[in-house]
Amino acid sequence: MFEKLVEIICNYVEVEPEKITPESRFMEDLGFTSFDFMSMLGEVEDTFDIEVDEAEVVKLRTVGEAVDYIQKLADAD
């Protein structure tokens, strides 16, 4: 799941995939804007067949937190 999320992230920001770690922060380290982040979430929803809660996802700061959140939603289905 981490690798797939890294692929999606690379569609939105200019970052080398090998530089993305679970500790990478979306805004500070990867250069996401709020618009990039929300656009990426749409692709995440389609890719993993989940529906994110906007109130929850705005709390996600790192790639690892996002993976955990996506995994939790995927497991709930």
N, C-alpha and C. Protein backbone atom coordinates (compact mmCIF):
# COMPACT_ATOMS: atom_id res chain seq x y z
N MET A 1 0.83 -1.20 0.00
CA MET A 1 0.00 0.00 0.00
C MET A 1 0.88 1.26 0.00
N PHE A 2 1.97 1.24 0.76
CA PHE A 2 2.88 2.39 0.79
C PHE A 2 3.40 2.71 -0.61
N GLU A 3 3.82 1.67 -1.33
CA GLU A 3 4.39 1.87 -2.66
C GLU A 3 3.36 2.49 -3.60
N LYS A 4 2.12 2.02 -3.53
CA LYS A 4 1.06 2.56 -4.38
C LYS A 4 0.80 4.02 -4.03
N LEU A 5 0.79 4.35 -2.74
CA LEU A 5 0.56 5.73 -2.34
C LEU A 5 1.71 6.62 -2.83
N VAL A 6 2.93 6.11 -2.78
CA VAL A 6 4.08 6.87 -3.29
C VAL A 6 3.89 7.17 -4.77
N GLU A 7 3.42 6.18 -5.54
CA GLU A 7 3.15 6.39 -6.97
C GLU A 7 2.15 7.53 -7.16
N ILE A 8 1.09 7.51 -6.37
CA ILE A 8 0.06 8.55 -6.48
C ILE A 8 0.64 9.91 -6.10
N ILE A 9 1.41 9.96 -5.02
CA ILE A 9 2.02 11.22 -4.58
C ILE A 9 2.86 11.82 -5.70
N CYS A 10 3.60 10.98 -6.40
CA CYS A 10 4.48 11.46 -7.46
C CYS A 10 3.71 12.04 -8.65
N ASN A 11 2.42 11.76 -8.74
CA ASN A 11 1.59 12.37 -9.78
C ASN A 11 1.28 13.83 -9.47
N TYR A 12 1.47 14.22 -8.22
CA TYR A 12 1.06 15.56 -7.77
C TYR A 12 2.19 16.49 -7.41
N VAL A 13 3.32 15.95 -7.02
CA VAL A 13 4.46 16.79 -6.66
C VAL A 13 5.73 16.24 -7.29
N GLU A 14 6.70 17.12 -7.49
CA GLU A 14 7.97 16.76 -8.11
C GLU A 14 8.93 16.24 -7.04
N VAL A 15 8.79 14.96 -6.72
CA VAL A 15 9.65 14.34 -5.70
C VAL A 15 10.06 12.98 -6.22
N GLU A 16 11.33 12.63 -6.00
CA GLU A 16 11.80 11.30 -6.39
C GLU A 16 11.15 10.26 -5.46
N PRO A 17 10.59 9.20 -6.03
CA PRO A 17 9.90 8.19 -5.20
C PRO A 17 10.76 7.66 -4.06
N GLU A 18 12.05 7.46 -4.30
CA GLU A 18 12.91 6.89 -3.26
C GLU A 18 13.16 7.87 -2.11
N LYS A 19 12.81 9.14 -2.30
CA LYS A 19 12.99 10.13 -1.23
C LYS A 19 11.77 10.20 -0.32
N ILE A 20 10.69 9.51 -0.67
CA ILE A 20 9.48 9.54 0.14
C ILE A 20 9.54 8.41 1.17
N THR A 21 9.40 8.78 2.43
CA THR A 21 9.41 7.80 3.52
C THR A 21 8.10 7.92 4.29
N PRO A 22 7.81 6.95 5.17
CA PRO A 22 6.61 7.09 6.00
C PRO A 22 6.62 8.36 6.86
N GLU A 23 7.82 8.89 7.14
CA GLU A 23 7.93 10.09 7.97
C GLU A 23 7.80 11.38 7.16
N SER A 24 7.79 11.27 5.82
CA SER A 24 7.68 12.47 4.98
C SER A 24 6.37 13.19 5.25
N ARG A 25 6.48 14.51 5.47
CA ARG A 25 5.29 15.33 5.71
C ARG A 25 4.81 15.90 4.38
N PHE A 26 3.50 15.85 4.16
CA PHE A 26 2.95 16.27 2.88
C PHE A 26 3.30 17.72 2.53
N MET A 27 3.02 18.64 3.43
CA MET A 27 3.23 20.05 3.13
C MET A 27 4.71 20.45 3.24
N GLU A 28 5.30 20.16 4.38
CA GLU A 28 6.65 20.64 4.67
C GLU A 28 7.73 19.95 3.84
N ASP A 29 7.64 18.63 3.70
CA ASP A 29 8.71 17.88 3.03
C ASP A 29 8.45 17.65 1.54
N LEU A 30 7.20 17.43 1.19
CA LEU A 30 6.89 17.06 -0.19
C LEU A 30 6.37 18.23 -1.03
N GLY A 31 6.05 19.33 -0.38
CA GLY A 31 5.65 20.53 -1.12
C GLY A 31 4.21 20.55 -1.58
N PHE A 32 3.35 19.78 -0.94
CA PHE A 32 1.94 19.78 -1.30
C PHE A 32 1.29 21.11 -0.95
N THR A 33 0.37 21.55 -1.81
CA THR A 33 -0.53 22.64 -1.44
C THR A 33 -1.83 21.97 -0.98
N SER A 34 -2.70 22.73 -0.38
CA SER A 34 -3.99 22.17 0.04
C SER A 34 -4.74 21.60 -1.16
N PHE A 35 -4.68 22.31 -2.29
CA PHE A 35 -5.36 21.84 -3.50
C PHE A 35 -4.77 20.52 -3.98
N ASP A 36 -3.43 20.44 -4.02
CA ASP A 36 -2.77 19.18 -4.43
C ASP A 36 -3.23 18.03 -3.54
N PHE A 37 -3.25 18.29 -2.24
CA PHE A 37 -3.59 17.25 -1.27
C PHE A 37 -5.02 16.75 -1.49
N MET A 38 -5.96 17.68 -1.66
CA MET A 38 -7.36 17.28 -1.85
C MET A 38 -7.53 16.56 -3.19
N SER A 39 -6.81 17.01 -4.21
CA SER A 39 -6.87 16.33 -5.52
C SER A 39 -6.33 14.91 -5.40
N MET A 40 -5.22 14.77 -4.69
CA MET A 40 -4.63 13.45 -4.49
C MET A 40 -5.60 12.53 -3.77
N LEU A 41 -6.33 13.07 -2.80
CA LEU A 41 -7.28 12.24 -2.04
C LEU A 41 -8.35 11.65 -2.94
N GLY A 42 -8.77 12.40 -3.94
CA GLY A 42 -9.74 11.87 -4.90
C GLY A 42 -9.20 10.64 -5.61
N GLU A 43 -7.94 10.70 -6.01
CA GLU A 43 -7.31 9.55 -6.67
C GLU A 43 -7.14 8.40 -5.69
N VAL A 44 -6.80 8.71 -4.45
CA VAL A 44 -6.66 7.68 -3.42
C VAL A 44 -7.99 6.95 -3.23
N GLU A 45 -9.07 7.71 -3.17
CA GLU A 45 -10.40 7.10 -3.01
C GLU A 45 -10.70 6.15 -4.16
N ASP A 46 -10.42 6.58 -5.38
CA ASP A 46 -10.68 5.74 -6.56
C ASP A 46 -9.79 4.51 -6.57
N THR A 47 -8.52 4.71 -6.28
CA THR A 47 -7.53 3.62 -6.35
C THR A 47 -7.82 2.53 -5.31
N PHE A 48 -8.11 2.94 -4.08
CA PHE A 48 -8.29 1.98 -3.00
C PHE A 48 -9.76 1.65 -2.72
N ASP A 49 -10.66 2.25 -3.51
CA ASP A 49 -12.10 2.03 -3.37
C ASP A 49 -12.57 2.29 -1.93
N ILE A 50 -12.22 3.48 -1.44
CA ILE A 50 -12.60 3.90 -0.10
C ILE A 50 -13.23 5.29 -0.18
N GLU A 51 -13.83 5.72 0.91
CA GLU A 51 -14.33 7.08 0.99
C GLU A 51 -13.74 7.73 2.23
N VAL A 52 -12.98 8.80 2.01
CA VAL A 52 -12.31 9.45 3.14
C VAL A 52 -13.25 10.46 3.79
N ASP A 53 -13.01 10.70 5.05
CA ASP A 53 -13.74 11.70 5.82
C ASP A 53 -12.87 12.95 5.84
N GLU A 54 -13.34 14.03 5.21
CA GLU A 54 -12.51 15.24 5.10
C GLU A 54 -12.07 15.77 6.46
N ALA A 55 -12.91 15.65 7.46
CA ALA A 55 -12.55 16.11 8.80
C ALA A 55 -11.38 15.30 9.36
N GLU A 56 -11.28 14.03 8.96
CA GLU A 56 -10.18 13.16 9.43
C GLU A 56 -8.91 13.40 8.62
N VAL A 57 -9.03 13.49 7.29
CA VAL A 57 -7.82 13.56 6.46
C VAL A 57 -7.06 14.87 6.64
N VAL A 58 -7.73 15.93 7.04
CA VAL A 58 -6.98 17.18 7.25
C VAL A 58 -6.01 17.06 8.42
N LYS A 59 -6.19 16.05 9.26
CA LYS A 59 -5.29 15.83 10.39
C LYS A 59 -4.04 15.04 9.99
N LEU A 60 -4.06 14.43 8.81
CA LEU A 60 -2.94 13.61 8.36
C LEU A 60 -1.77 14.50 7.98
N ARG A 61 -0.64 14.27 8.59
CA ARG A 61 0.54 15.10 8.32
C ARG A 61 1.62 14.35 7.53
N THR A 62 1.71 13.02 7.76
CA THR A 62 2.79 12.26 7.13
C THR A 62 2.24 11.17 6.22
N VAL A 63 3.11 10.69 5.35
CA VAL A 63 2.74 9.61 4.45
C VAL A 63 2.36 8.37 5.26
N GLY A 64 3.09 8.09 6.32
CA GLY A 64 2.79 6.93 7.17
C GLY A 64 1.42 7.02 7.80
N GLU A 65 1.05 8.22 8.27
CA GLU A 65 -0.29 8.40 8.83
C GLU A 65 -1.36 8.15 7.77
N ALA A 66 -1.10 8.60 6.56
CA ALA A 66 -2.05 8.39 5.46
C ALA A 66 -2.19 6.90 5.14
N VAL A 67 -1.08 6.18 5.12
CA VAL A 67 -1.13 4.73 4.86
C VAL A 67 -1.96 4.04 5.94
N ASP A 68 -1.72 4.39 7.20
CA ASP A 68 -2.48 3.78 8.29
C ASP A 68 -3.97 4.07 8.15
N TYR A 69 -4.29 5.30 7.80
CA TYR A 69 -5.69 5.71 7.64
C TYR A 69 -6.36 4.96 6.49
N ILE A 70 -5.67 4.89 5.35
CA ILE A 70 -6.20 4.18 4.17
C ILE A 70 -6.40 2.70 4.51
N GLN A 71 -5.41 2.12 5.20
CA GLN A 71 -5.49 0.71 5.58
C GLN A 71 -6.70 0.46 6.48
N LYS A 72 -6.92 1.37 7.42
CA LYS A 72 -8.05 1.24 8.34
C LYS A 72 -9.37 1.27 7.56
N LEU A 73 -9.49 2.18 6.62
CA LEU A 73 -10.72 2.27 5.81
C LEU A 73 -10.88 1.03 4.92
N ALA A 74 -9.78 0.58 4.34
CA ALA A 74 -9.85 -0.59 3.46
C ALA A 74 -10.24 -1.84 4.25
N ASP A 75 -9.72 -1.96 5.47
CA ASP A 75 -10.04 -3.12 6.31
C ASP A 75 -11.49 -3.10 6.77
N ALA A 76 -12.07 -1.91 6.86
CA ALA A 76 -13.44 -1.78 7.34
C ALA A 76 -14.46 -2.25 6.29
N ASP A 77 -14.03 -2.26 5.04
CA ASP A 77 -14.96 -2.69 3.97
C ASP A 77 -15.19 -4.19 3.94
